[in-house]
Each structure stands twice: as structure tokens, then as C-alpha cells.
Amino acid sequence: MEGIKDLLRIRVKRGMNLAVRDVRSSDPYVVVQMGQQKLKTRVMKKDVNPEWNEDLTLSVFDPNLPIKLTVYDHDTFTKDDKMGDAEFDVKEILDALRMDLHGLADGTVVARVQPSGENCLAQESQITLRDGKITQDLCLRLRNVECGEVELSVHWINLAGSSRRKDS
């Protein structure tokens, strides 16, 4: 585990209006990748609006690397079909971790990220203080496909000895 700075916990909540890749539906799953690490959710059978609510945890070696998300349709006898992709970075959540958040009420929105041509956001993303932790909620519009969005929640986990405060 040498070189790991922190952990990033990604809750893959749900997919919305995903593309149909089988006869009338799809069997989607999500692959999340950061650098050489790849994690995947379980396959949801015949569902273009799946609810995974599944936590995936990445080790962060380089916080400048984007997190890539790809949705696939599971096929039994042929190669899995790609159902779109998106990516996001952790710059905004890292900036929020450097803020002085002492005394803020639970549920306080500490930052907002707007959709733009520079990101895959389908709508405004909020970074919120919840239960003493910084969490970012994202709704990503999938690229390279006719339709589909994926909702995520991201939480940064500082490892012992690691510091992201303003004074470091």
C-alpha cells in the first residue's frame, strides 16, 4: 500500500434512462477506474433504470487522475456492449477538504459545481458537510451513447498520517 495517499469511496446509486442494448432492455453494470485500478458493480438484469446503491473504494495514489466510469451491458455469449462513459475529478472535493469547516451545521452545502463543456455533469453537483464528512453528489451524463445518466455520491477518506488541511 506504499504510495497511497487516501481512499475515495464512491457510492454508485443508480442509472437513469440507460440505453437498450438487448431486445427490449439491458443488463447493466458499472466499471469505475482510476489509473490502473478497476472496480465494478453487480449486473442488474433487464433494467434500464437500475438501482445499485453499491460502494466501491479506490486507493488514491495521484489525486490529479480523473475517475472514469463506463456502463456496460452484460451478455452471456458475446462481448459485453458498452453503454456509455463519463469521468469526473476530485479537485472540488479536495478544495472543500482544505476549507475551515468548524462550526458549520450538518447539511451545509460548502461548494457547488456547475455543468459545463469541461465536465460530464448533467446538473449542479453539491459538496455537502454530512455527519462531519465532506460528500459530493454527482449526476453524470453518459457520453458516446444515445442516452443515460448515472448518480453517484463520493466521500474522501483521509488515511492516518495524511493531511489535506489548509495549513499543510
N, C-alpha and C. Protein backbone atom coordinates (compact mmCIF):
# COMPACT_ATOMS: atom_id res chain seq x y z
N MET A 1 0.82 -1.20 0.00
CA MET A 1 0.00 0.00 0.00
C MET A 1 0.86 1.26 0.00
N GLU A 2 2.16 1.10 -0.26
CA GLU A 2 3.04 2.25 -0.29
C GLU A 2 2.62 3.20 -1.40
N GLY A 3 2.64 4.50 -1.10
CA GLY A 3 2.28 5.49 -2.09
C GLY A 3 0.82 5.91 -2.04
N ILE A 4 -0.02 5.17 -1.32
CA ILE A 4 -1.43 5.55 -1.21
C ILE A 4 -1.54 6.78 -0.32
N LYS A 5 -2.23 7.78 -0.81
CA LYS A 5 -2.41 8.98 -0.03
C LYS A 5 -3.69 8.89 0.79
N ASP A 6 -4.78 8.51 0.16
CA ASP A 6 -6.08 8.44 0.81
C ASP A 6 -6.94 7.43 0.06
N LEU A 7 -8.20 7.34 0.50
CA LEU A 7 -9.17 6.48 -0.17
C LEU A 7 -10.33 7.33 -0.67
N LEU A 8 -10.95 6.88 -1.73
CA LEU A 8 -12.13 7.53 -2.27
C LEU A 8 -13.24 6.49 -2.32
N ARG A 9 -14.29 6.73 -1.54
CA ARG A 9 -15.43 5.82 -1.55
C ARG A 9 -16.49 6.40 -2.49
N ILE A 10 -16.86 5.60 -3.48
CA ILE A 10 -17.85 6.01 -4.47
C ILE A 10 -19.08 5.13 -4.30
N ARG A 11 -20.20 5.75 -4.01
CA ARG A 11 -21.45 5.02 -3.96
C ARG A 11 -22.11 5.18 -5.32
N VAL A 12 -22.18 4.08 -6.07
CA VAL A 12 -22.89 4.09 -7.34
C VAL A 12 -24.36 3.89 -6.99
N LYS A 13 -25.14 4.96 -7.06
CA LYS A 13 -26.53 4.91 -6.62
C LYS A 13 -27.43 4.25 -7.66
N ARG A 14 -27.54 4.90 -8.82
CA ARG A 14 -28.48 4.37 -9.82
C ARG A 14 -28.16 4.89 -11.20
N GLY A 15 -28.71 4.18 -12.19
CA GLY A 15 -28.67 4.62 -13.57
C GLY A 15 -30.05 5.06 -13.98
N MET A 16 -30.12 6.02 -14.89
CA MET A 16 -31.41 6.53 -15.33
C MET A 16 -31.45 6.59 -16.85
N ASN A 17 -32.50 6.03 -17.42
CA ASN A 17 -32.72 6.08 -18.86
C ASN A 17 -31.51 5.56 -19.64
N LEU A 18 -30.96 4.42 -19.18
CA LEU A 18 -29.82 3.84 -19.87
C LEU A 18 -30.24 3.28 -21.22
N ALA A 19 -29.29 3.17 -22.11
CA ALA A 19 -29.57 2.69 -23.47
C ALA A 19 -29.98 1.22 -23.47
N VAL A 20 -30.87 0.88 -24.38
CA VAL A 20 -31.27 -0.52 -24.58
C VAL A 20 -30.25 -1.18 -25.50
N ARG A 21 -29.68 -2.30 -25.04
CA ARG A 21 -28.68 -3.00 -25.83
C ARG A 21 -29.09 -4.44 -26.14
N ASP A 22 -30.11 -4.94 -25.48
CA ASP A 22 -30.65 -6.27 -25.80
C ASP A 22 -31.96 -6.03 -26.55
N VAL A 23 -32.83 -6.99 -26.60
CA VAL A 23 -34.07 -6.84 -27.37
C VAL A 23 -34.92 -5.67 -26.87
N ARG A 24 -35.27 -5.66 -25.59
CA ARG A 24 -36.10 -4.59 -25.04
C ARG A 24 -35.52 -3.92 -23.80
N SER A 25 -34.37 -4.38 -23.36
CA SER A 25 -33.79 -3.85 -22.13
C SER A 25 -32.28 -4.02 -22.18
N SER A 26 -31.65 -3.98 -21.04
CA SER A 26 -30.21 -4.18 -20.91
C SER A 26 -29.93 -4.81 -19.56
N ASP A 27 -28.74 -5.36 -19.41
CA ASP A 27 -28.28 -5.94 -18.14
C ASP A 27 -27.04 -5.14 -17.71
N PRO A 28 -27.25 -3.92 -17.19
CA PRO A 28 -26.12 -3.01 -16.97
C PRO A 28 -25.30 -3.30 -15.71
N TYR A 29 -24.03 -2.92 -15.81
CA TYR A 29 -23.14 -2.83 -14.66
C TYR A 29 -22.18 -1.68 -14.94
N VAL A 30 -21.56 -1.18 -13.88
CA VAL A 30 -20.68 -0.02 -13.98
C VAL A 30 -19.25 -0.43 -13.61
N VAL A 31 -18.30 0.03 -14.40
CA VAL A 31 -16.88 -0.13 -14.10
C VAL A 31 -16.32 1.25 -13.77
N VAL A 32 -15.68 1.37 -12.61
CA VAL A 32 -15.06 2.62 -12.17
C VAL A 32 -13.56 2.40 -12.22
N GLN A 33 -12.84 3.34 -12.83
CA GLN A 33 -11.40 3.18 -12.99
C GLN A 33 -10.68 4.47 -12.62
N MET A 34 -9.58 4.31 -11.90
CA MET A 34 -8.67 5.42 -11.60
C MET A 34 -7.27 4.88 -11.77
N GLY A 35 -6.56 5.37 -12.79
CA GLY A 35 -5.24 4.82 -13.09
C GLY A 35 -5.37 3.35 -13.45
N GLN A 36 -4.62 2.50 -12.77
CA GLN A 36 -4.63 1.05 -13.06
C GLN A 36 -5.71 0.30 -12.28
N GLN A 37 -6.40 0.97 -11.35
CA GLN A 37 -7.42 0.31 -10.54
C GLN A 37 -8.76 0.26 -11.27
N LYS A 38 -9.41 -0.90 -11.22
CA LYS A 38 -10.74 -1.05 -11.81
C LYS A 38 -11.62 -1.80 -10.82
N LEU A 39 -12.80 -1.25 -10.59
CA LEU A 39 -13.80 -1.90 -9.73
C LEU A 39 -15.12 -1.91 -10.47
N LYS A 40 -15.96 -2.90 -10.17
CA LYS A 40 -17.25 -2.95 -10.87
C LYS A 40 -18.38 -3.30 -9.93
N THR A 41 -19.56 -2.85 -10.34
CA THR A 41 -20.79 -3.16 -9.60
C THR A 41 -21.30 -4.52 -10.06
N ARG A 42 -22.34 -4.96 -9.41
CA ARG A 42 -23.01 -6.19 -9.85
C ARG A 42 -23.87 -5.89 -11.07
N VAL A 43 -24.20 -6.92 -11.82
CA VAL A 43 -25.05 -6.80 -13.00
C VAL A 43 -26.51 -6.72 -12.54
N MET A 44 -27.25 -5.80 -13.12
CA MET A 44 -28.69 -5.68 -12.85
C MET A 44 -29.42 -6.19 -14.09
N LYS A 45 -30.13 -7.28 -13.94
CA LYS A 45 -30.80 -7.93 -15.07
C LYS A 45 -32.00 -7.13 -15.57
N LYS A 46 -32.06 -6.98 -16.88
CA LYS A 46 -33.21 -6.39 -17.58
C LYS A 46 -33.73 -5.11 -16.92
N ASP A 47 -32.85 -4.11 -16.84
CA ASP A 47 -33.23 -2.88 -16.14
C ASP A 47 -32.47 -1.69 -16.73
N VAL A 48 -33.18 -0.77 -17.36
CA VAL A 48 -32.53 0.44 -17.89
C VAL A 48 -32.59 1.60 -16.89
N ASN A 49 -33.16 1.35 -15.71
CA ASN A 49 -33.18 2.31 -14.60
C ASN A 49 -32.75 1.59 -13.32
N PRO A 50 -31.54 1.00 -13.32
CA PRO A 50 -31.12 0.16 -12.19
C PRO A 50 -30.78 0.97 -10.94
N GLU A 51 -30.96 0.36 -9.78
CA GLU A 51 -30.55 0.93 -8.50
C GLU A 51 -29.52 0.00 -7.89
N TRP A 52 -28.25 0.40 -8.00
CA TRP A 52 -27.17 -0.41 -7.45
C TRP A 52 -26.98 -0.15 -5.96
N ASN A 53 -26.92 1.12 -5.56
CA ASN A 53 -26.60 1.51 -4.18
C ASN A 53 -25.42 0.69 -3.66
N GLU A 54 -24.35 0.71 -4.42
CA GLU A 54 -23.19 -0.12 -4.14
C GLU A 54 -21.96 0.77 -3.92
N ASP A 55 -21.20 0.47 -2.84
CA ASP A 55 -19.99 1.22 -2.53
C ASP A 55 -18.76 0.58 -3.14
N LEU A 56 -17.96 1.39 -3.82
CA LEU A 56 -16.68 0.97 -4.39
C LEU A 56 -15.62 1.89 -3.81
N THR A 57 -14.50 1.34 -3.35
CA THR A 57 -13.46 2.15 -2.72
C THR A 57 -12.17 2.05 -3.50
N LEU A 58 -11.69 3.22 -3.94
CA LEU A 58 -10.43 3.31 -4.69
C LEU A 58 -9.32 3.83 -3.79
N SER A 59 -8.12 3.31 -3.96
CA SER A 59 -6.94 3.87 -3.31
C SER A 59 -6.46 5.02 -4.19
N VAL A 60 -6.20 6.16 -3.57
CA VAL A 60 -5.79 7.34 -4.33
C VAL A 60 -4.27 7.47 -4.26
N PHE A 61 -3.61 7.21 -5.37
CA PHE A 61 -2.17 7.39 -5.48
C PHE A 61 -1.86 8.78 -6.02
N ASP A 62 -2.68 9.24 -6.96
CA ASP A 62 -2.49 10.54 -7.59
C ASP A 62 -3.86 11.22 -7.71
N PRO A 63 -4.13 12.22 -6.86
CA PRO A 63 -5.45 12.87 -6.89
C PRO A 63 -5.71 13.68 -8.15
N ASN A 64 -4.69 13.84 -9.01
CA ASN A 64 -4.88 14.57 -10.26
C ASN A 64 -5.46 13.69 -11.37
N LEU A 65 -5.48 12.37 -11.16
CA LEU A 65 -6.03 11.47 -12.17
C LEU A 65 -7.56 11.55 -12.16
N PRO A 66 -8.19 11.56 -13.33
CA PRO A 66 -9.66 11.54 -13.37
C PRO A 66 -10.18 10.15 -13.00
N ILE A 67 -11.40 10.11 -12.52
CA ILE A 67 -12.09 8.86 -12.27
C ILE A 67 -12.97 8.61 -13.49
N LYS A 68 -12.78 7.46 -14.11
CA LYS A 68 -13.54 7.11 -15.32
C LYS A 68 -14.60 6.10 -14.96
N LEU A 69 -15.77 6.30 -15.52
CA LEU A 69 -16.91 5.44 -15.27
C LEU A 69 -17.43 4.96 -16.61
N THR A 70 -17.59 3.66 -16.76
CA THR A 70 -18.12 3.11 -18.00
C THR A 70 -19.26 2.15 -17.65
N VAL A 71 -20.37 2.27 -18.37
CA VAL A 71 -21.50 1.38 -18.18
C VAL A 71 -21.49 0.36 -19.31
N TYR A 72 -21.67 -0.91 -18.94
CA TYR A 72 -21.71 -2.00 -19.91
C TYR A 72 -23.00 -2.77 -19.77
N ASP A 73 -23.39 -3.42 -20.87
CA ASP A 73 -24.50 -4.38 -20.88
C ASP A 73 -23.88 -5.77 -20.87
N HIS A 74 -24.18 -6.54 -19.83
CA HIS A 74 -23.65 -7.90 -19.72
C HIS A 74 -24.33 -8.82 -20.74
N ASP A 75 -23.51 -9.54 -21.50
CA ASP A 75 -24.01 -10.53 -22.45
C ASP A 75 -23.38 -11.87 -22.12
N THR A 76 -24.16 -12.93 -22.20
CA THR A 76 -23.68 -14.26 -21.83
C THR A 76 -22.76 -14.86 -22.89
N PHE A 77 -23.12 -14.76 -24.16
CA PHE A 77 -22.38 -15.47 -25.20
C PHE A 77 -21.52 -14.57 -26.09
N THR A 78 -21.64 -13.27 -25.93
CA THR A 78 -20.84 -12.35 -26.75
C THR A 78 -20.17 -11.32 -25.83
N LYS A 79 -19.29 -10.52 -26.41
CA LYS A 79 -18.61 -9.48 -25.64
C LYS A 79 -19.63 -8.48 -25.10
N ASP A 80 -19.41 -8.03 -23.87
CA ASP A 80 -20.32 -7.06 -23.27
C ASP A 80 -20.34 -5.77 -24.09
N ASP A 81 -21.54 -5.20 -24.25
CA ASP A 81 -21.72 -3.97 -25.02
C ASP A 81 -21.49 -2.75 -24.15
N LYS A 82 -20.79 -1.77 -24.68
CA LYS A 82 -20.59 -0.50 -23.98
C LYS A 82 -21.88 0.31 -24.06
N MET A 83 -22.27 0.89 -22.92
CA MET A 83 -23.50 1.69 -22.84
C MET A 83 -23.21 3.14 -22.48
N GLY A 84 -21.97 3.58 -22.70
CA GLY A 84 -21.62 4.97 -22.42
C GLY A 84 -20.56 5.09 -21.35
N ASP A 85 -19.98 6.28 -21.27
CA ASP A 85 -18.93 6.53 -20.29
C ASP A 85 -19.00 7.98 -19.82
N ALA A 86 -18.32 8.25 -18.72
CA ALA A 86 -18.23 9.60 -18.17
C ALA A 86 -16.97 9.64 -17.32
N GLU A 87 -16.58 10.83 -16.92
CA GLU A 87 -15.47 10.95 -15.99
C GLU A 87 -15.66 12.18 -15.13
N PHE A 88 -14.99 12.16 -13.99
CA PHE A 88 -15.01 13.31 -13.09
C PHE A 88 -13.67 13.34 -12.36
N ASP A 89 -13.37 14.51 -11.78
CA ASP A 89 -12.14 14.59 -10.99
C ASP A 89 -12.50 14.96 -9.57
N VAL A 90 -11.51 14.89 -8.70
CA VAL A 90 -11.76 15.11 -7.28
C VAL A 90 -11.26 16.48 -6.80
N LYS A 91 -10.93 17.36 -7.74
CA LYS A 91 -10.38 18.68 -7.39
C LYS A 91 -11.31 19.44 -6.45
N GLU A 92 -12.59 19.49 -6.76
CA GLU A 92 -13.53 20.28 -5.96
C GLU A 92 -13.69 19.72 -4.56
N ILE A 93 -13.75 18.40 -4.43
CA ILE A 93 -13.90 17.82 -3.08
C ILE A 93 -12.61 18.03 -2.28
N LEU A 94 -11.45 17.98 -2.94
CA LEU A 94 -10.19 18.27 -2.25
C LEU A 94 -10.14 19.72 -1.79
N ASP A 95 -10.61 20.63 -2.64
CA ASP A 95 -10.66 22.05 -2.25
C ASP A 95 -11.55 22.23 -1.02
N ALA A 96 -12.68 21.54 -0.98
CA ALA A 96 -13.60 21.63 0.16
C ALA A 96 -12.95 21.07 1.44
N LEU A 97 -12.15 20.02 1.30
CA LEU A 97 -11.48 19.44 2.47
C LEU A 97 -10.46 20.41 3.08
N ARG A 98 -9.96 21.33 2.28
CA ARG A 98 -8.98 22.31 2.76
C ARG A 98 -9.63 23.50 3.46
N MET A 99 -10.95 23.62 3.36
CA MET A 99 -11.67 24.74 3.98
C MET A 99 -11.75 24.54 5.50
N ASP A 100 -11.93 25.64 6.20
CA ASP A 100 -12.19 25.58 7.64
C ASP A 100 -13.70 25.37 7.81
N LEU A 101 -14.07 24.15 8.20
CA LEU A 101 -15.49 23.80 8.28
C LEU A 101 -15.99 23.74 9.73
N HIS A 102 -15.16 24.13 10.68
CA HIS A 102 -15.56 24.08 12.09
C HIS A 102 -16.76 24.99 12.33
N GLY A 103 -17.73 24.48 13.04
CA GLY A 103 -18.90 25.27 13.39
C GLY A 103 -20.01 25.26 12.36
N LEU A 104 -19.80 24.62 11.22
CA LEU A 104 -20.86 24.57 10.21
C LEU A 104 -21.89 23.51 10.59
N ALA A 105 -23.14 23.81 10.31
CA ALA A 105 -24.22 22.88 10.62
C ALA A 105 -24.22 21.69 9.65
N ASP A 106 -24.66 20.55 10.15
CA ASP A 106 -24.80 19.36 9.31
C ASP A 106 -25.75 19.68 8.16
N GLY A 107 -25.38 19.25 6.96
CA GLY A 107 -26.21 19.51 5.79
C GLY A 107 -25.83 20.78 5.04
N THR A 108 -24.83 21.51 5.54
CA THR A 108 -24.39 22.74 4.87
C THR A 108 -23.74 22.42 3.53
N VAL A 109 -24.18 23.11 2.48
CA VAL A 109 -23.54 22.99 1.17
C VAL A 109 -22.33 23.91 1.20
N VAL A 110 -21.13 23.31 1.04
CA VAL A 110 -19.90 24.10 1.13
C VAL A 110 -19.37 24.52 -0.24
N ALA A 111 -19.83 23.85 -1.30
CA ALA A 111 -19.42 24.22 -2.65
C ALA A 111 -20.42 23.67 -3.66
N ARG A 112 -20.46 24.30 -4.81
CA ARG A 112 -21.32 23.86 -5.92
C ARG A 112 -20.47 23.81 -7.18
N VAL A 113 -20.72 22.79 -8.00
CA VAL A 113 -20.03 22.67 -9.28
C VAL A 113 -21.10 22.65 -10.37
N GLN A 114 -20.95 23.54 -11.33
CA GLN A 114 -21.95 23.66 -12.39
C GLN A 114 -21.57 22.79 -13.59
N PRO A 115 -22.58 22.27 -14.31
CA PRO A 115 -22.30 21.53 -15.55
C PRO A 115 -21.65 22.46 -16.57
N SER A 116 -20.72 21.91 -17.34
CA SER A 116 -20.06 22.70 -18.38
C SER A 116 -19.51 21.76 -19.44
N GLY A 117 -18.95 22.32 -20.47
CA GLY A 117 -18.30 21.53 -21.50
C GLY A 117 -17.04 20.84 -21.00
N GLU A 118 -16.57 21.25 -19.82
CA GLU A 118 -15.35 20.68 -19.23
C GLU A 118 -15.64 19.46 -18.35
N ASN A 119 -16.91 19.18 -18.06
CA ASN A 119 -17.23 18.03 -17.19
C ASN A 119 -18.43 17.26 -17.75
N CYS A 120 -18.75 16.16 -17.13
CA CYS A 120 -19.87 15.31 -17.58
C CYS A 120 -21.11 15.50 -16.71
N LEU A 121 -21.15 16.57 -15.93
CA LEU A 121 -22.29 16.76 -15.04
C LEU A 121 -23.58 17.01 -15.83
N ALA A 122 -24.64 16.33 -15.41
CA ALA A 122 -25.95 16.54 -16.01
C ALA A 122 -26.69 17.67 -15.30
N GLN A 123 -26.29 17.94 -14.07
CA GLN A 123 -26.90 19.01 -13.27
C GLN A 123 -25.89 19.46 -12.23
N GLU A 124 -26.22 20.53 -11.50
CA GLU A 124 -25.33 21.04 -10.48
C GLU A 124 -24.95 19.94 -9.49
N SER A 125 -23.69 19.91 -9.12
CA SER A 125 -23.18 18.97 -8.12
C SER A 125 -22.92 19.74 -6.84
N GLN A 126 -23.40 19.20 -5.71
CA GLN A 126 -23.21 19.87 -4.43
C GLN A 126 -22.23 19.09 -3.57
N ILE A 127 -21.36 19.83 -2.90
CA ILE A 127 -20.44 19.26 -1.93
C ILE A 127 -20.96 19.69 -0.57
N THR A 128 -21.28 18.71 0.27
CA THR A 128 -22.03 18.94 1.49
C THR A 128 -21.30 18.37 2.70
N LEU A 129 -21.44 19.04 3.84
CA LEU A 129 -20.97 18.51 5.11
C LEU A 129 -22.09 17.66 5.70
N ARG A 130 -21.83 16.34 5.81
CA ARG A 130 -22.83 15.40 6.35
C ARG A 130 -22.17 14.52 7.39
N ASP A 131 -22.71 14.52 8.59
CA ASP A 131 -22.17 13.68 9.67
C ASP A 131 -20.68 13.91 9.86
N GLY A 132 -20.25 15.16 9.74
CA GLY A 132 -18.85 15.50 9.94
C GLY A 132 -17.95 15.14 8.77
N LYS A 133 -18.52 14.68 7.64
CA LYS A 133 -17.74 14.29 6.47
C LYS A 133 -18.15 15.13 5.27
N ILE A 134 -17.19 15.30 4.36
CA ILE A 134 -17.47 16.01 3.11
C ILE A 134 -17.91 14.98 2.07
N THR A 135 -19.05 15.22 1.46
CA THR A 135 -19.61 14.33 0.45
C THR A 135 -19.99 15.13 -0.78
N GLN A 136 -19.71 14.56 -1.95
CA GLN A 136 -20.12 15.21 -3.20
C GLN A 136 -21.11 14.30 -3.92
N ASP A 137 -22.26 14.86 -4.26
CA ASP A 137 -23.26 14.15 -5.05
C ASP A 137 -23.12 14.57 -6.50
N LEU A 138 -23.11 13.58 -7.40
CA LEU A 138 -22.94 13.86 -8.83
C LEU A 138 -23.99 13.11 -9.63
N CYS A 139 -24.47 13.75 -10.67
CA CYS A 139 -25.28 13.08 -11.69
C CYS A 139 -24.53 13.28 -12.99
N LEU A 140 -23.98 12.17 -13.52
CA LEU A 140 -23.14 12.24 -14.71
C LEU A 140 -23.91 11.84 -15.96
N ARG A 141 -23.82 12.65 -16.99
CA ARG A 141 -24.42 12.33 -18.29
C ARG A 141 -23.42 11.45 -19.04
N LEU A 142 -23.88 10.31 -19.51
CA LEU A 142 -23.01 9.40 -20.23
C LEU A 142 -22.71 9.93 -21.62
N ARG A 143 -21.46 9.74 -22.07
CA ARG A 143 -21.02 10.15 -23.40
C ARG A 143 -20.96 8.92 -24.30
N ASN A 144 -20.86 9.18 -25.60
CA ASN A 144 -20.69 8.11 -26.60
C ASN A 144 -21.84 7.11 -26.59
N VAL A 145 -23.03 7.61 -26.34
CA VAL A 145 -24.24 6.79 -26.29
C VAL A 145 -25.44 7.72 -26.51
N GLU A 146 -26.56 7.15 -26.92
CA GLU A 146 -27.73 7.99 -27.21
C GLU A 146 -28.42 8.56 -25.98
N CYS A 147 -28.30 7.90 -24.82
CA CYS A 147 -28.96 8.41 -23.62
C CYS A 147 -28.38 7.75 -22.38
N GLY A 148 -28.67 8.33 -21.23
CA GLY A 148 -28.30 7.71 -19.97
C GLY A 148 -27.53 8.62 -19.02
N GLU A 149 -27.83 8.46 -17.73
CA GLU A 149 -27.15 9.18 -16.66
C GLU A 149 -26.90 8.20 -15.52
N VAL A 150 -25.89 8.51 -14.71
CA VAL A 150 -25.58 7.71 -13.52
C VAL A 150 -25.41 8.65 -12.35
N GLU A 151 -26.06 8.33 -11.22
CA GLU A 151 -25.94 9.11 -10.00
C GLU A 151 -24.94 8.46 -9.06
N LEU A 152 -24.06 9.31 -8.50
CA LEU A 152 -23.02 8.86 -7.58
C LEU A 152 -22.99 9.75 -6.35
N SER A 153 -22.41 9.23 -5.30
CA SER A 153 -22.05 10.03 -4.13
C SER A 153 -20.61 9.67 -3.80
N VAL A 154 -19.77 10.68 -3.59
CA VAL A 154 -18.34 10.47 -3.40
C VAL A 154 -17.95 11.00 -2.02
N HIS A 155 -17.15 10.20 -1.32
CA HIS A 155 -16.68 10.57 0.02
C HIS A 155 -15.18 10.30 0.12
N TRP A 156 -14.43 11.31 0.52
CA TRP A 156 -12.97 11.20 0.66
C TRP A 156 -12.65 10.66 2.05
N ILE A 157 -11.75 9.70 2.13
CA ILE A 157 -11.34 9.13 3.42
C ILE A 157 -9.85 9.40 3.62
N ASN A 158 -9.54 10.24 4.62
CA ASN A 158 -8.14 10.52 4.94
C ASN A 158 -7.56 9.34 5.71
N LEU A 159 -6.42 8.86 5.27
CA LEU A 159 -5.74 7.81 6.00
C LEU A 159 -4.88 8.42 7.09
N ALA A 160 -4.55 7.65 8.12
CA ALA A 160 -3.72 8.14 9.22
C ALA A 160 -2.42 8.71 8.67
N GLY A 161 -2.05 9.88 9.19
CA GLY A 161 -0.80 10.50 8.76
C GLY A 161 -0.95 11.35 7.51
N SER A 162 -2.11 11.30 6.89
CA SER A 162 -2.34 12.10 5.69
C SER A 162 -3.10 13.35 6.09
N SER A 163 -2.74 14.47 5.51
CA SER A 163 -3.40 15.71 5.87
C SER A 163 -3.79 16.47 4.62
N ARG A 164 -5.01 16.97 4.58
CA ARG A 164 -5.50 17.77 3.45
C ARG A 164 -5.94 19.15 3.96
N ARG A 165 -5.50 19.53 5.14
CA ARG A 165 -5.93 20.82 5.69
C ARG A 165 -5.23 21.98 5.00
N LYS A 166 -5.78 23.18 5.20
CA LYS A 166 -5.24 24.39 4.58
C LYS A 166 -3.78 24.62 4.98
N ASP A 167 -3.43 24.24 6.21
CA ASP A 167 -2.10 24.56 6.70
C ASP A 167 -1.04 23.56 6.30
N SER A 168 -1.40 22.53 5.50
CA SER A 168 -0.39 21.55 5.11
C SER A 168 0.13 21.80 3.72
